[in-house]
Protein backbone atom coordinates (compact mmCIF):
# COMPACT_ATOMS: atom_id res chain seq x y z
CA MET A 1 107.17 -11.78 -9.33
CA PRO A 2 109.20 -8.62 -10.06
CA LYS A 3 111.55 -7.35 -7.36
CA LEU A 4 110.01 -4.50 -5.37
CA LYS A 5 112.08 -1.38 -4.70
CA ILE A 6 111.17 -1.43 -1.01
CA GLY A 7 112.47 -4.48 0.82
CA ALA A 8 112.35 -5.28 4.51
CA LEU A 9 111.30 -2.30 6.58
CA PRO A 10 114.00 -1.10 8.96
CA ASP A 11 113.29 -1.08 12.68
CA ASP A 12 114.09 2.58 13.29
CA LYS A 13 112.73 5.11 15.78
CA PRO A 14 110.01 6.95 13.86
CA VAL A 15 109.09 10.62 13.86
CA LYS A 16 105.35 11.18 13.68
CA VAL A 17 104.12 13.22 10.72
CA THR A 18 100.44 13.82 10.04
CA THR A 19 99.40 14.50 6.47
CA GLU A 20 96.65 13.81 3.97
CA ILE A 21 97.18 11.84 0.79
CA PRO A 22 94.92 11.38 -2.22
CA ALA A 23 92.61 8.35 -2.11
CA GLN A 24 94.32 6.83 -5.16
CA VAL A 25 97.71 7.04 -3.45
CA HIS A 26 96.23 5.27 -0.42
CA ARG A 27 94.78 2.53 -2.63
CA ASP A 28 98.19 2.13 -4.28
CA LEU A 29 99.88 1.93 -0.86
CA VAL A 30 97.43 -0.79 0.18
CA ALA A 31 98.09 -2.71 -3.06
CA TYR A 32 101.87 -2.30 -2.62
CA GLY A 33 101.60 -3.50 0.97
CA GLU A 34 99.65 -6.55 -0.18
CA ALA A 35 102.31 -7.34 -2.81
CA LEU A 36 105.07 -6.90 -0.24
CA ALA A 37 103.15 -9.08 2.22
CA ARG A 38 102.97 -11.87 -0.36
CA GLU A 39 106.73 -11.54 -0.88
CA ALA A 40 107.66 -11.21 2.81
CA GLY A 41 105.02 -13.54 4.17
CA LYS A 42 103.63 -11.08 6.72
CA GLN A 43 101.10 -8.24 6.80
CA ILE A 44 102.43 -4.74 6.16
CA ASP A 45 100.71 -1.58 7.41
CA PRO A 46 100.49 0.67 4.32
CA ALA A 47 101.38 3.74 6.43
CA LYS A 48 104.72 2.11 7.26
CA LEU A 49 105.60 2.12 3.55
CA ILE A 50 105.55 5.91 3.22
CA GLY A 51 108.86 6.57 5.01
CA PRO A 52 110.92 3.98 3.09
CA MET A 53 109.32 5.06 -0.19
CA LEU A 54 110.16 8.72 0.44
CA ALA A 55 113.69 7.78 1.47
CA ARG A 56 114.12 5.71 -1.71
CA PHE A 57 112.74 8.53 -3.83
CA MET A 58 115.12 11.09 -2.30
CA ALA A 59 118.08 8.70 -2.51
CA THR A 60 117.54 8.22 -6.25
CA ASP A 61 116.74 11.86 -7.11
CA ARG A 62 119.90 13.12 -8.85
CA GLY A 63 118.92 16.78 -8.58
CA PHE A 64 118.40 16.44 -4.84
CA ALA A 65 121.71 14.59 -4.44
CA LYS A 66 123.51 17.36 -6.29
CA LEU A 67 121.82 19.99 -4.12
CA ARG A 68 122.85 18.14 -0.96
CA ARG A 69 126.46 17.79 -2.14
CA THR A 70 126.58 21.51 -2.93
CA ALA A 71 125.07 22.44 0.44
CA HIS A 72 127.41 20.04 2.25
CA SER A 73 130.53 21.40 0.57
CA SER A 74 129.40 24.99 1.30
CA ARG A 75 128.95 24.16 5.00
CA ALA A 76 132.30 22.38 5.14
CA SER A 77 134.12 25.35 3.62
CA GLU A 78 132.35 27.75 6.02
CA GLU A 79 133.38 25.61 9.01
CA ALA A 80 136.99 25.43 7.78
CA GLY A 81 137.26 29.18 7.18
């Protein structure tokens, strides 16, 4: 079985966000959760996958990382000056 990008889900205090997703995305989340459950040996609530998937997406988005570095360095120079 190929290694999934999302591993064990962290036990972190969640922030509730209510949104709608397309039906196909929900079906894919269910399928991903089933694949992860086979790998981890326990049931996974598909809704619990959304946070780690978004975090992984943002962590690997080079444009977003560059934007964050630029914003961070701008704030640091403002605080220093």
